[in-house]
Amino acid sequence: MDGGIELTHPDLAASLWTNYVELNGVVGVDDDSNGYVDDVHGYSFVNGSANIVPHYHGTHVAGTVAAVNNNGIGVSGVAGGSGAKPGVKIMSCAVFEDSGGLPVICWALPR
């Protein structure tokens, strides 16, 4: 949970988690019935939609973890895989953005 990830970033695109039910579903419909409409690569809890606004910090942190290794582009992530072997998958869960959106407070479930 951070600022939004730049979904088209060349070092991160291959590491993005994809919700195939929403990707292949109907635009504007919560096809997988999880409460989030069109959440193909994540969700913005700032604007309450699947429209992810890229944020420098969210993209930077995602790259540190999941940038694809050995692809001749940019940087390497600690769990980015090698291009031939996949690394971790990342989901953009935006809880703040530069446009002045307020941070979202996330509550932990009681034990």
Protein backbone atom coordinates (compact mmCIF):
# COMPACT_ATOMS: atom_id res chain seq x y z
CA MET A 1 0.00 0.00 0.00
CA ASP A 2 1.58 3.21 -1.21
CA GLY A 3 1.07 5.76 -3.95
CA GLY A 4 -0.07 4.32 -7.28
CA ILE A 5 2.35 2.34 -9.44
CA GLU A 6 3.08 3.53 -12.97
CA LEU A 7 1.39 0.60 -14.70
CA THR A 8 3.14 1.13 -18.04
CA HIS A 9 6.67 1.34 -16.57
CA PRO A 10 8.91 -0.90 -18.73
CA ASP A 11 10.62 -2.44 -15.68
CA LEU A 12 7.34 -3.15 -13.87
CA ALA A 13 4.71 -4.07 -16.48
CA ALA A 14 5.72 -7.76 -16.52
CA SER A 15 5.50 -7.92 -12.71
CA LEU A 16 1.96 -6.59 -12.40
CA TRP A 17 -0.70 -8.82 -10.90
CA THR A 18 -3.60 -9.16 -13.33
CA ASN A 19 -7.20 -9.86 -12.40
CA TYR A 20 -8.20 -11.77 -15.54
CA VAL A 21 -11.88 -11.92 -14.58
CA GLU A 22 -12.04 -8.10 -14.65
CA LEU A 23 -9.69 -7.83 -17.65
CA ASN A 24 -12.00 -10.06 -19.72
CA GLY A 25 -15.20 -8.78 -18.13
CA VAL A 26 -17.59 -5.92 -18.82
CA VAL A 27 -16.30 -2.38 -18.26
CA GLY A 28 -18.07 -0.74 -15.33
CA VAL A 29 -19.15 -4.07 -13.79
CA ASP A 30 -17.65 -5.83 -10.76
CA ASP A 31 -17.23 -9.08 -12.70
CA ASP A 32 -15.50 -10.99 -9.88
CA SER A 33 -17.88 -9.68 -7.18
CA ASN A 34 -15.06 -8.59 -4.86
CA GLY A 35 -16.50 -5.10 -4.30
CA TYR A 36 -14.07 -3.29 -6.64
CA VAL A 37 -15.18 -2.46 -10.18
CA ASP A 38 -12.64 -3.07 -12.98
CA ASP A 39 -9.70 -3.73 -10.61
CA VAL A 40 -7.45 -5.20 -13.29
CA HIS A 41 -4.08 -4.28 -11.69
CA GLY A 42 -5.24 -2.93 -8.34
CA TYR A 43 -7.36 -0.16 -6.90
CA SER A 44 -7.11 3.46 -5.76
CA PHE A 45 -8.56 3.84 -2.29
CA VAL A 46 -8.01 7.60 -2.68
CA ASN A 47 -10.44 8.10 -5.55
CA GLY A 48 -12.51 4.94 -4.98
CA SER A 49 -11.89 3.49 -8.42
CA ALA A 50 -9.58 1.28 -10.43
CA ASN A 51 -8.06 4.43 -11.99
CA ILE A 52 -4.50 4.23 -10.63
CA VAL A 53 -2.78 7.63 -10.56
CA PRO A 54 0.99 6.98 -10.82
CA HIS A 55 3.02 8.27 -7.89
CA TYR A 56 6.82 8.54 -7.76
CA HIS A 57 7.08 6.81 -4.37
CA GLY A 58 4.76 3.91 -5.18
CA THR A 59 6.59 3.32 -8.47
CA HIS A 60 10.01 3.55 -6.80
CA VAL A 61 9.11 1.07 -4.04
CA ALA A 62 7.51 -1.31 -6.55
CA GLY A 63 10.73 -1.16 -8.61
CA THR A 64 12.91 -1.91 -5.59
CA VAL A 65 10.92 -5.09 -5.03
CA ALA A 66 9.69 -6.22 -8.44
CA ALA A 67 11.64 -4.64 -11.32
CA VAL A 68 12.46 -7.43 -13.77
CA ASN A 69 16.14 -8.43 -13.61
CA ASN A 70 18.51 -8.99 -16.53
CA ASN A 71 16.28 -7.31 -19.11
CA GLY A 72 18.70 -4.48 -20.00
CA ILE A 73 16.23 -1.84 -18.75
CA GLY A 74 16.62 0.43 -15.72
CA VAL A 75 17.12 -1.32 -12.40
CA SER A 76 16.78 -4.78 -10.86
CA GLY A 77 14.34 -5.64 -8.09
CA VAL A 78 15.19 -7.88 -5.16
CA ALA A 79 12.39 -10.28 -6.20
CA GLY A 80 11.93 -9.31 -9.85
CA GLY A 81 12.76 -12.61 -11.46
CA SER A 82 15.07 -12.88 -14.44
CA GLY A 83 12.77 -12.38 -17.39
CA ALA A 84 13.00 -16.13 -18.12
CA LYS A 85 11.89 -17.02 -14.57
CA PRO A 86 9.06 -14.90 -13.19
CA GLY A 87 9.47 -12.94 -9.99
CA VAL A 88 6.85 -11.65 -7.61
CA LYS A 89 3.60 -10.10 -8.76
CA ILE A 90 2.63 -6.66 -7.50
CA MET A 91 -0.79 -5.09 -7.10
CA SER A 92 -1.18 -1.32 -6.94
CA CYS A 93 -3.13 -0.42 -3.81
CA ALA A 94 -2.98 3.38 -3.88
CA VAL A 95 -3.65 5.04 -0.55
CA PHE A 96 -2.27 8.51 -1.41
CA GLU A 97 -1.48 10.66 -4.45
CA ASP A 98 0.23 13.97 -5.22
CA SER A 99 -3.00 15.74 -6.09
CA GLY A 100 -3.77 16.34 -2.44
CA GLY A 101 -5.83 13.20 -1.83
CA LEU A 102 -6.00 12.37 1.83
CA PRO A 103 -4.23 9.25 3.08
CA VAL A 104 -6.54 6.36 3.74
CA ILE A 105 -6.48 4.88 7.23
CA CYS A 106 -6.44 1.10 7.12
CA TRP A 107 -7.86 -0.76 10.08
CA ALA A 108 -6.48 -4.08 11.25
CA LEU A 109 -8.94 -6.84 11.97
CA PRO A 110 -9.21 -7.80 15.65
CA ARG A 111 -7.45 -10.97 16.68
